[in-house]
């Protein structure tokens, strides 16, 4: 089985629609794909309706969190999307995205970058506006060559010249809310140092004690040494180890299934979840 547990669609900051994402996942030879848009489940219905035969969809979300001043992302899988407490927190995070993006645009304008809200809104389309959309605007304007190059201290990285904070959930609260909604929690790309400061291992240990299920180890932003260190940490803390592409369509160079999760780990994730279940595809011929 080939299992990719971290992918984005146009419901947040990917460039594939949810339907395109599942069709492309099947064409890439995946058996299981997770839809983990930022702080939203809005893409679920379209993805399920288009799900090809032979591909299983894992409903999820990537939650925006912050601990001790460090931004982090929490992958939540197979939770009840209508559970009121978690739904309210996701909406609170999403509602803060527009003023945050507008604040970043204002800072960029003071840096003589002629980005506009209309440009960013056009790039975001129907998705929840976020930093990658502002980064794409910088690429369009020729300020930086790629989206990744916008995530530096010179521009949009945490603490960067055009960075603006937004409401982010305390990860311990996120774990409590996801567990309360029957879901499973995995810390996304915990060693992605090029994105900015990373969460100390002591804090990850505290999260493990609070119910964190796993950490994403095999990821494009982790070099081999980082992966080895994180595997060791997961072993010490009794955490599951996942691997994922963090696919964003054409917004990133990584391809679907470039990094994958072991089938036994996937099985354990599904066994622990009680809020929702993986959805098997019946919608048409694969490929």
C-alpha atoms as a PDB file:
ATOM      1  CA  UNK A   1       0.000   0.000   0.000  1.00  0.00           C
ATOM      2  CA  UNK A   2       1.126   3.566  -0.787  1.00  0.00           C
ATOM      3  CA  UNK A   3      -0.243   6.035   1.759  1.00  0.00           C
ATOM      4  CA  UNK A   4       0.134   9.838   1.690  1.00  0.00           C
ATOM      5  CA  UNK A   5      -1.342  11.481   4.802  1.00  0.00           C
ATOM      6  CA  UNK A   6      -0.790  15.209   4.175  1.00  0.00           C
ATOM      7  CA  UNK A   7      -2.229  16.946   1.085  1.00  0.00           C
ATOM      8  CA  UNK A   8      -3.882  20.290   0.341  1.00  0.00           C
ATOM      9  CA  UNK A   9      -6.505  21.451  -2.128  1.00  0.00           C
ATOM     10  CA  UNK A  10      -7.973  24.766  -3.241  1.00  0.00           C
ATOM     11  CA  UNK A  11     -10.133  24.649  -0.096  1.00  0.00           C
ATOM     12  CA  UNK A  12      -7.022  26.109   1.563  1.00  0.00           C
ATOM     13  CA  UNK A  13      -3.740  26.811  -0.235  1.00  0.00           C
ATOM     14  CA  UNK A  14      -3.303  24.012  -2.767  1.00  0.00           C
ATOM     15  CA  UNK A  15      -3.746  24.459  -6.512  1.00  0.00           C
ATOM     16  CA  UNK A  16      -5.712  21.228  -7.194  1.00  0.00           C
ATOM     17  CA  UNK A  17      -9.426  21.246  -6.495  1.00  0.00           C
ATOM     18  CA  UNK A  18     -10.465  18.479  -4.080  1.00  0.00           C
ATOM     19  CA  UNK A  19     -11.747  16.464  -7.059  1.00  0.00           C
ATOM     20  CA  UNK A  20      -8.501  16.975  -8.984  1.00  0.00           C
ATOM     21  CA  UNK A  21      -6.499  16.014  -5.918  1.00  0.00           C
ATOM     22  CA  UNK A  22      -8.110  12.594  -5.509  1.00  0.00           C
ATOM     23  CA  UNK A  23      -7.945  11.886  -9.240  1.00  0.00           C
ATOM     24  CA  UNK A  24      -4.273  12.863  -9.296  1.00  0.00           C
ATOM     25  CA  UNK A  25      -3.631  10.731  -6.200  1.00  0.00           C
ATOM     26  CA  UNK A  26      -5.094   7.692  -7.950  1.00  0.00           C
ATOM     27  CA  UNK A  27      -3.074   8.429 -11.081  1.00  0.00           C
ATOM     28  CA  UNK A  28       0.070   8.645  -8.920  1.00  0.00           C
ATOM     29  CA  UNK A  29      -0.539   5.102  -7.705  1.00  0.00           C
ATOM     30  CA  UNK A  30      -1.645   5.934  -4.188  1.00  0.00           C
ATOM     31  CA  UNK A  31      -3.934   3.600  -2.270  1.00  0.00           C
ATOM     32  CA  UNK A  32      -4.731   6.083   0.529  1.00  0.00           C
ATOM     33  CA  UNK A  33      -4.655   9.881   0.534  1.00  0.00           C
ATOM     34  CA  UNK A  34      -5.515  12.319   3.325  1.00  0.00           C
ATOM     35  CA  UNK A  35      -7.116  15.696   2.624  1.00  0.00           C
ATOM     36  CA  UNK A  36      -5.648  18.000   5.291  1.00  0.00           C
ATOM     37  CA  UNK A  37      -6.506  21.566   4.316  1.00  0.00           C
ATOM     38  CA  UNK A  38      -5.617  24.344   6.732  1.00  0.00           C
ATOM     39  CA  UNK A  39      -8.232  24.727   9.477  1.00  0.00           C
ATOM     40  CA  UNK A  40     -11.087  23.658   7.186  1.00  0.00           C
ATOM     41  CA  UNK A  41     -13.035  20.586   6.104  1.00  0.00           C
ATOM     42  CA  UNK A  42     -14.762  22.405   3.243  1.00  0.00           C
ATOM     43  CA  UNK A  43     -13.218  20.180   0.567  1.00  0.00           C
ATOM     44  CA  UNK A  44     -14.543  16.886   1.916  1.00  0.00           C
ATOM     45  CA  UNK A  45     -17.797  16.651  -0.053  1.00  0.00           C
ATOM     46  CA  UNK A  46     -16.195  17.359  -3.432  1.00  0.00           C
ATOM     47  CA  UNK A  47     -13.331  14.945  -2.791  1.00  0.00           C
ATOM     48  CA  UNK A  48     -15.674  12.136  -1.731  1.00  0.00           C
ATOM     49  CA  UNK A  49     -17.955  12.673  -4.722  1.00  0.00           C
ATOM     50  CA  UNK A  50     -15.000  12.344  -7.110  1.00  0.00           C
ATOM     51  CA  UNK A  51     -13.157   9.558  -5.272  1.00  0.00           C
ATOM     52  CA  UNK A  52     -11.967   6.934  -7.783  1.00  0.00           C
ATOM     53  CA  UNK A  53     -12.442   3.248  -7.186  1.00  0.00           C
ATOM     54  CA  UNK A  54      -9.408   1.779  -5.452  1.00  0.00           C
ATOM     55  CA  UNK A  55      -8.440   4.960  -3.592  1.00  0.00           C
ATOM     56  CA  UNK A  56      -9.342   5.558   0.063  1.00  0.00           C
ATOM     57  CA  UNK A  57      -9.760   9.086   1.422  1.00  0.00           C
ATOM     58  CA  UNK A  58      -8.776   9.975   4.988  1.00  0.00           C
ATOM     59  CA  UNK A  59     -10.631  13.146   6.048  1.00  0.00           C
ATOM     60  CA  UNK A  60      -8.434  15.460   8.085  1.00  0.00           C
ATOM     61  CA  UNK A  61      -7.229  19.023   8.615  1.00  0.00           C
ATOM     62  CA  UNK A  62      -3.991  20.827   9.405  1.00  0.00           C
ATOM     63  CA  UNK A  63      -4.560  23.004  12.465  1.00  0.00           C
ATOM     64  CA  UNK A  64      -2.616  26.228  13.064  1.00  0.00           C
ATOM     65  CA  UNK A  65      -1.032  26.162  16.523  1.00  0.00           C
ATOM     66  CA  UNK A  66       1.520  28.111  18.559  1.00  0.00           C
ATOM     67  CA  UNK A  67       3.475  27.137  21.665  1.00  0.00           C
ATOM     68  CA  UNK A  68       5.923  29.376  23.536  1.00  0.00           C
ATOM     69  CA  UNK A  69       5.925  31.816  20.639  1.00  0.00           C
ATOM     70  CA  UNK A  70       6.696  29.151  18.006  1.00  0.00           C
ATOM     71  CA  UNK A  71       4.223  28.417  15.205  1.00  0.00           C
ATOM     72  CA  UNK A  72       3.506  24.748  14.511  1.00  0.00           C
ATOM     73  CA  UNK A  73       0.956  22.691  12.628  1.00  0.00           C
ATOM     74  CA  UNK A  74      -1.074  19.799  13.975  1.00  0.00           C
ATOM     75  CA  UNK A  75      -2.446  17.206  11.559  1.00  0.00           C
ATOM     76  CA  UNK A  76      -5.825  16.000  12.785  1.00  0.00           C
ATOM     77  CA  UNK A  77      -7.280  12.836  11.259  1.00  0.00           C
ATOM     78  CA  UNK A  78     -10.692  11.187  11.312  1.00  0.00           C
ATOM     79  CA  UNK A  79     -12.385  13.567  13.752  1.00  0.00           C
ATOM     80  CA  UNK A  80     -16.075  14.449  13.718  1.00  0.00           C
ATOM     81  CA  UNK A  81     -16.124  17.619  11.564  1.00  0.00           C
ATOM     82  CA  UNK A  82     -19.346  18.812  13.195  1.00  0.00           C
ATOM     83  CA  UNK A  83     -18.205  18.458  16.811  1.00  0.00           C
ATOM     84  CA  UNK A  84     -19.059  21.950  18.191  1.00  0.00           C
ATOM     85  CA  UNK A  85     -15.941  22.806  20.220  1.00  0.00           C
ATOM     86  CA  UNK A  86     -13.412  21.889  17.523  1.00  0.00           C
ATOM     87  CA  UNK A  87     -15.572  23.472  14.827  1.00  0.00           C
ATOM     88  CA  UNK A  88     -15.710  26.755  16.768  1.00  0.00           C
ATOM     89  CA  UNK A  89     -11.924  26.821  17.191  1.00  0.00           C
ATOM     90  CA  UNK A  90     -11.331  26.160  13.479  1.00  0.00           C
ATOM     91  CA  UNK A  91     -13.686  28.985  12.584  1.00  0.00           C
ATOM     92  CA  UNK A  92     -11.891  31.340  14.981  1.00  0.00           C
ATOM     93  CA  UNK A  93      -8.569  30.588  13.279  1.00  0.00           C
ATOM     94  CA  UNK A  94     -10.039  30.951   9.781  1.00  0.00           C
ATOM     95  CA  UNK A  95     -11.750  34.247  10.601  1.00  0.00           C
ATOM     96  CA  UNK A  96      -8.384  35.768  11.501  1.00  0.00           C
ATOM     97  CA  UNK A  97      -6.809  34.890   8.149  1.00  0.00           C
ATOM     98  CA  UNK A  98      -8.183  37.867   6.192  1.00  0.00           C
ATOM     99  CA  UNK A  99      -7.038  40.662   8.539  1.00  0.00           C
ATOM    100  CA  UNK A 100      -3.696  38.896   8.887  1.00  0.00           C
ATOM    101  CA  UNK A 101      -3.175  38.753   5.114  1.00  0.00           C
ATOM    102  CA  UNK A 102      -4.187  42.388   4.815  1.00  0.00           C
ATOM    103  CA  UNK A 103      -1.654  43.262   7.507  1.00  0.00           C
ATOM    104  CA  UNK A 104       1.107  41.466   5.606  1.00  0.00           C
ATOM    105  CA  UNK A 105       0.148  43.321   2.443  1.00  0.00           C
ATOM    106  CA  UNK A 106       0.371  46.622   4.305  1.00  0.00           C
ATOM    107  CA  UNK A 107       3.855  45.758   5.572  1.00  0.00           C
ATOM    108  CA  UNK A 108       4.966  44.733   2.088  1.00  0.00           C
ATOM    109  CA  UNK A 109       3.696  48.027   0.710  1.00  0.00           C
ATOM    110  CA  UNK A 110       5.875  49.892   3.213  1.00  0.00           C
ATOM    111  CA  UNK A 111       8.775  47.839   1.804  1.00  0.00           C
ATOM    112  CA  UNK A 112       7.931  49.172  -1.677  1.00  0.00           C
ATOM    113  CA  UNK A 113       6.388  45.892  -2.837  1.00  0.00           C
ATOM    114  CA  UNK A 114       3.226  46.761  -4.831  1.00  0.00           C
ATOM    115  CA  UNK A 115       1.187  43.717  -3.795  1.00  0.00           C
ATOM    116  CA  UNK A 116      -2.564  44.321  -3.419  1.00  0.00           C
ATOM    117  CA  UNK A 117      -5.415  42.631  -1.580  1.00  0.00           C
ATOM    118  CA  UNK A 118      -7.172  42.108  -4.926  1.00  0.00           C
ATOM    119  CA  UNK A 119      -4.155  40.205  -6.244  1.00  0.00           C
ATOM    120  CA  UNK A 120      -3.930  37.958  -3.169  1.00  0.00           C
ATOM    121  CA  UNK A 121      -7.676  37.348  -3.155  1.00  0.00           C
ATOM    122  CA  UNK A 122      -7.544  36.344  -6.832  1.00  0.00           C
ATOM    123  CA  UNK A 123      -4.720  33.885  -6.139  1.00  0.00           C
ATOM    124  CA  UNK A 124      -6.578  32.394  -3.158  1.00  0.00           C
ATOM    125  CA  UNK A 125      -9.795  31.949  -5.138  1.00  0.00           C
ATOM    126  CA  UNK A 126     -12.291  30.076  -2.970  1.00  0.00           C
ATOM    127  CA  UNK A 127      -9.596  28.921  -0.551  1.00  0.00           C
ATOM    128  CA  UNK A 128      -8.901  30.190   2.943  1.00  0.00           C
ATOM    129  CA  UNK A 129      -6.379  32.975   2.355  1.00  0.00           C
ATOM    130  CA  UNK A 130      -2.970  32.411   3.903  1.00  0.00           C
ATOM    131  CA  UNK A 131       0.739  33.152   3.681  1.00  0.00           C
ATOM    132  CA  UNK A 132       1.269  30.915   0.624  1.00  0.00           C
ATOM    133  CA  UNK A 133      -1.130  33.104  -1.341  1.00  0.00           C
ATOM    134  CA  UNK A 134       0.817  36.225  -0.360  1.00  0.00           C
ATOM    135  CA  UNK A 135       4.007  34.369  -1.258  1.00  0.00           C
ATOM    136  CA  UNK A 136       2.552  33.522  -4.674  1.00  0.00           C
ATOM    137  CA  UNK A 137       1.844  37.212  -5.196  1.00  0.00           C
ATOM    138  CA  UNK A 138       5.519  37.956  -4.511  1.00  0.00           C
ATOM    139  CA  UNK A 139       6.450  35.375  -7.149  1.00  0.00           C
ATOM    140  CA  UNK A 140       4.059  36.973  -9.650  1.00  0.00           C
ATOM    141  CA  UNK A 141       5.659  40.353  -9.004  1.00  0.00           C
ATOM    142  CA  UNK A 142       9.162  38.942  -9.475  1.00  0.00           C
ATOM    143  CA  UNK A 143      10.188  39.764  -5.918  1.00  0.00           C
ATOM    144  CA  UNK A 144      11.216  36.150  -5.227  1.00  0.00           C
ATOM    145  CA  UNK A 145      11.708  33.240  -7.641  1.00  0.00           C
ATOM    146  CA  UNK A 146       9.642  30.647  -5.736  1.00  0.00           C
ATOM    147  CA  UNK A 147       7.062  30.436  -2.970  1.00  0.00           C
ATOM    148  CA  UNK A 148       9.652  28.845  -0.668  1.00  0.00           C
ATOM    149  CA  UNK A 149      11.930  31.849  -1.153  1.00  0.00           C
ATOM    150  CA  UNK A 150       9.225  34.086   0.303  1.00  0.00           C
ATOM    151  CA  UNK A 151       9.377  32.201   3.609  1.00  0.00           C
ATOM    152  CA  UNK A 152      12.548  33.881   4.856  1.00  0.00           C
ATOM    153  CA  UNK A 153      13.234  36.556   7.449  1.00  0.00           C
ATOM    154  CA  UNK A 154      13.454  39.041   4.596  1.00  0.00           C
ATOM    155  CA  UNK A 155       9.778  38.461   3.842  1.00  0.00           C
ATOM    156  CA  UNK A 156       7.134  36.174   5.375  1.00  0.00           C
ATOM    157  CA  UNK A 157       8.855  33.771   7.776  1.00  0.00           C
ATOM    158  CA  UNK A 158       7.986  33.984  11.473  1.00  0.00           C
ATOM    159  CA  UNK A 159       9.509  37.240  12.658  1.00  0.00           C
ATOM    160  CA  UNK A 160      10.210  38.357   9.086  1.00  0.00           C
ATOM    161  CA  UNK A 161       9.864  41.926   7.861  1.00  0.00           C
ATOM    162  CA  UNK A 162       6.327  41.351   6.549  1.00  0.00           C
ATOM    163  CA  UNK A 163       5.204  38.751   9.096  1.00  0.00           C
ATOM    164  CA  UNK A 164       1.930  39.303  10.957  1.00  0.00           C
ATOM    165  CA  UNK A 165       0.742  37.021  13.730  1.00  0.00           C
ATOM    166  CA  UNK A 166      -2.693  35.401  13.644  1.00  0.00           C
ATOM    167  CA  UNK A 167      -4.833  33.529  16.126  1.00  0.00           C
ATOM    168  CA  UNK A 168      -3.296  30.085  16.592  1.00  0.00           C
ATOM    169  CA  UNK A 169      -4.500  27.331  18.886  1.00  0.00           C
ATOM    170  CA  UNK A 170      -2.442  26.165  21.849  1.00  0.00           C
ATOM    171  CA  UNK A 171      -1.343  22.651  20.787  1.00  0.00           C
ATOM    172  CA  UNK A 172      -2.383  21.129  24.096  1.00  0.00           C
ATOM    173  CA  UNK A 173      -5.855  22.577  23.540  1.00  0.00           C
ATOM    174  CA  UNK A 174      -5.777  21.291  19.953  1.00  0.00           C
ATOM    175  CA  UNK A 175      -4.968  17.795  21.194  1.00  0.00           C
ATOM    176  CA  UNK A 176      -7.815  17.997  23.709  1.00  0.00           C
ATOM    177  CA  UNK A 177     -10.282  19.241  21.091  1.00  0.00           C
ATOM    178  CA  UNK A 178      -9.293  16.704  18.433  1.00  0.00           C
ATOM    179  CA  UNK A 179      -9.443  13.854  20.920  1.00  0.00           C
ATOM    180  CA  UNK A 180     -12.810  15.124  22.101  1.00  0.00           C
ATOM    181  CA  UNK A 181     -14.001  14.913  18.498  1.00  0.00           C
ATOM    182  CA  UNK A 182     -12.754  11.334  18.181  1.00  0.00           C
ATOM    183  CA  UNK A 183      -9.677  12.179  16.114  1.00  0.00           C
ATOM    184  CA  UNK A 184      -5.972  11.404  16.003  1.00  0.00           C
ATOM    185  CA  UNK A 185      -3.177  14.040  16.280  1.00  0.00           C
ATOM    186  CA  UNK A 186       0.164  14.074  14.459  1.00  0.00           C
ATOM    187  CA  UNK A 187       2.662  16.935  14.738  1.00  0.00           C
ATOM    188  CA  UNK A 188       3.388  18.083  11.165  1.00  0.00           C
ATOM    189  CA  UNK A 189       7.015  18.580   9.981  1.00  0.00           C
ATOM    190  CA  UNK A 190       8.372  19.249  13.510  1.00  0.00           C
ATOM    191  CA  UNK A 191      11.969  19.648  12.311  1.00  0.00           C
ATOM    192  CA  UNK A 192      11.338  22.098   9.458  1.00  0.00           C
ATOM    193  CA  UNK A 193      13.973  24.574  10.629  1.00  0.00           C
ATOM    194  CA  UNK A 194      14.071  26.498   7.362  1.00  0.00           C
ATOM    195  CA  UNK A 195      10.537  27.708   8.109  1.00  0.00           C
ATOM    196  CA  UNK A 196      11.717  29.388  11.313  1.00  0.00           C
ATOM    197  CA  UNK A 197      12.070  28.358  14.945  1.00  0.00           C
ATOM    198  CA  UNK A 198      11.111  24.786  15.780  1.00  0.00           C
ATOM    199  CA  UNK A 199       9.401  23.395  18.856  1.00  0.00           C
ATOM    200  CA  UNK A 200      11.869  22.031  21.465  1.00  0.00           C
ATOM    201  CA  UNK A 201      11.919  18.290  22.045  1.00  0.00           C
ATOM    202  CA  UNK A 202      10.909  18.862  25.673  1.00  0.00           C
ATOM    203  CA  UNK A 203       7.645  20.426  24.484  1.00  0.00           C
ATOM    204  CA  UNK A 204       7.042  17.492  22.127  1.00  0.00           C
ATOM    205  CA  UNK A 205       7.488  15.167  25.108  1.00  0.00           C
ATOM    206  CA  UNK A 206       4.871  17.172  27.005  1.00  0.00           C
ATOM    207  CA  UNK A 207       2.513  16.882  24.048  1.00  0.00           C
ATOM    208  CA  UNK A 208       3.073  13.136  23.946  1.00  0.00           C
ATOM    209  CA  UNK A 209       2.103  12.953  27.609  1.00  0.00           C
ATOM    210  CA  UNK A 210      -1.021  15.001  26.778  1.00  0.00           C
ATOM    211  CA  UNK A 211      -2.152  12.571  24.072  1.00  0.00           C
ATOM    212  CA  UNK A 212      -0.222  13.402  20.891  1.00  0.00           C
ATOM    213  CA  UNK A 213      -0.343  10.293  18.703  1.00  0.00           C
ATOM    214  CA  UNK A 214       2.563  10.812  16.333  1.00  0.00           C
ATOM    215  CA  UNK A 215       5.046  12.995  14.483  1.00  0.00           C
ATOM    216  CA  UNK A 216       5.548  13.443  10.756  1.00  0.00           C
ATOM    217  CA  UNK A 217       9.130  12.353  10.077  1.00  0.00           C
ATOM    218  CA  UNK A 218       9.479  11.689   6.347  1.00  0.00           C
ATOM    219  CA  UNK A 219       8.875  15.144   4.851  1.00  0.00           C
ATOM    220  CA  UNK A 220      10.552  17.282   2.203  1.00  0.00           C
ATOM    221  CA  UNK A 221      11.669  19.827   4.823  1.00  0.00           C
ATOM    222  CA  UNK A 222      13.591  17.223   6.868  1.00  0.00           C
ATOM    223  CA  UNK A 223      17.104  16.162   5.919  1.00  0.00           C
ATOM    224  CA  UNK A 224      18.387  12.670   6.732  1.00  0.00           C
ATOM    225  CA  UNK A 225      19.919  13.692  10.066  1.00  0.00           C
ATOM    226  CA  UNK A 226      16.661  15.334  11.140  1.00  0.00           C
ATOM    227  CA  UNK A 227      14.667  12.262  10.184  1.00  0.00           C
ATOM    228  CA  UNK A 228      17.004  10.014  12.164  1.00  0.00           C
ATOM    229  CA  UNK A 229      16.742  12.292  15.198  1.00  0.00           C
ATOM    230  CA  UNK A 230      12.953  12.431  14.997  1.00  0.00           C
ATOM    231  CA  UNK A 231      12.654   8.667  14.610  1.00  0.00           C
ATOM    232  CA  UNK A 232      14.716   8.259  17.751  1.00  0.00           C
ATOM    233  CA  UNK A 233      12.546  10.766  19.591  1.00  0.00           C
ATOM    234  CA  UNK A 234       9.369   9.007  18.454  1.00  0.00           C
ATOM    235  CA  UNK A 235      10.748   5.726  19.736  1.00  0.00           C
ATOM    236  CA  UNK A 236      11.586   7.246  23.115  1.00  0.00           C
ATOM    237  CA  UNK A 237       8.133   8.820  23.454  1.00  0.00           C
ATOM    238  CA  UNK A 238       6.075   5.964  22.025  1.00  0.00           C
ATOM    239  CA  UNK A 239       4.817   8.075  19.109  1.00  0.00           C
ATOM    240  CA  UNK A 240       3.730   6.905  15.683  1.00  0.00           C
ATOM    241  CA  UNK A 241       5.941   7.905  12.736  1.00  0.00           C
ATOM    242  CA  UNK A 242       4.288   9.127   9.553  1.00  0.00           C
ATOM    243  CA  UNK A 243       5.524  10.229   6.137  1.00  0.00           C
ATOM    244  CA  UNK A 244       3.728  12.543   3.740  1.00  0.00           C
ATOM    245  CA  UNK A 245       4.242  14.746   0.716  1.00  0.00           C
ATOM    246  CA  UNK A 246       2.575  17.903   2.084  1.00  0.00           C
ATOM    247  CA  UNK A 247       1.392  18.264  -1.514  1.00  0.00           C
ATOM    248  CA  UNK A 248       0.170  21.706  -2.617  1.00  0.00           C
ATOM    249  CA  UNK A 249      -0.138  21.102  -6.361  1.00  0.00           C
ATOM    250  CA  UNK A 250       1.966  23.484  -8.454  1.00  0.00           C
ATOM    251  CA  UNK A 251       2.669  25.701  -5.432  1.00  0.00           C
ATOM    252  CA  UNK A 252       5.445  23.314  -4.338  1.00  0.00           C
ATOM    253  CA  UNK A 253       7.810  21.018  -6.208  1.00  0.00           C
ATOM    254  CA  UNK A 254       6.997  17.906  -4.154  1.00  0.00           C
ATOM    255  CA  UNK A 255       4.840  15.277  -5.860  1.00  0.00           C
ATOM    256  CA  UNK A 256       2.020  13.133  -4.515  1.00  0.00           C
ATOM    257  CA  UNK A 257       3.366  10.047  -2.786  1.00  0.00           C
ATOM    258  CA  UNK A 258       6.944  11.331  -2.713  1.00  0.00           C
ATOM    259  CA  UNK A 259       6.950  10.455   1.006  1.00  0.00           C
ATOM    260  CA  UNK A 260       4.594   7.855   2.455  1.00  0.00           C
ATOM    261  CA  UNK A 261       3.375   6.275   5.699  1.00  0.00           C
ATOM    262  CA  UNK A 262       3.883   2.651   6.695  1.00  0.00           C
ATOM    263  CA  UNK A 263       0.639   0.629   6.355  1.00  0.00           C
ATOM    264  CA  UNK A 264       0.914  -0.602   9.955  1.00  0.00           C
ATOM    265  CA  UNK A 265       1.048   2.986  11.217  1.00  0.00           C
ATOM    266  CA  UNK A 266      -1.943   3.882   9.058  1.00  0.00           C
ATOM    267  CA  UNK A 267      -3.807   0.904  10.500  1.00  0.00           C
ATOM    268  CA  UNK A 268      -3.061   2.101  14.028  1.00  0.00           C
ATOM    269  CA  UNK A 269      -4.331   5.602  13.188  1.00  0.00           C
ATOM    270  CA  UNK A 270      -7.619   4.176  11.927  1.00  0.00           C
ATOM    271  CA  UNK A 271      -7.921   1.935  14.990  1.00  0.00           C
ATOM    272  CA  UNK A 272      -7.515   4.886  17.359  1.00  0.00           C
ATOM    273  CA  UNK A 273     -10.053   7.118  15.602  1.00  0.00           C
ATOM    274  CA  UNK A 274     -13.712   7.143  16.603  1.00  0.00           C
ATOM    275  CA  UNK A 275     -14.964  10.422  15.108  1.00  0.00           C
ATOM    276  CA  UNK A 276     -14.952   9.458  11.428  1.00  0.00           C
ATOM    277  CA  UNK A 277     -13.796   6.677   9.142  1.00  0.00           C
ATOM    278  CA  UNK A 278     -11.741   6.421   5.944  1.00  0.00           C
ATOM    279  CA  UNK A 279     -13.899   6.621   2.826  1.00  0.00           C
ATOM    280  CA  UNK A 280     -13.349   3.962   0.136  1.00  0.00           C
ATOM    281  CA  UNK A 281     -13.660   5.182  -3.432  1.00  0.00           C
ATOM    282  CA  UNK A 282     -16.396   3.832  -5.681  1.00  0.00           C
ATOM    283  CA  UNK A 283     -16.597   6.695  -8.151  1.00  0.00           C
ATOM    284  CA  UNK A 284     -15.002   5.274 -11.276  1.00  0.00           C
ATOM    285  CA  UNK A 285     -12.094   3.591 -12.952  1.00  0.00           C
ATOM    286  CA  UNK A 286      -8.680   4.215 -11.479  1.00  0.00           C
ATOM    287  CA  UNK A 287      -6.215   6.222 -13.551  1.00  0.00           C
END
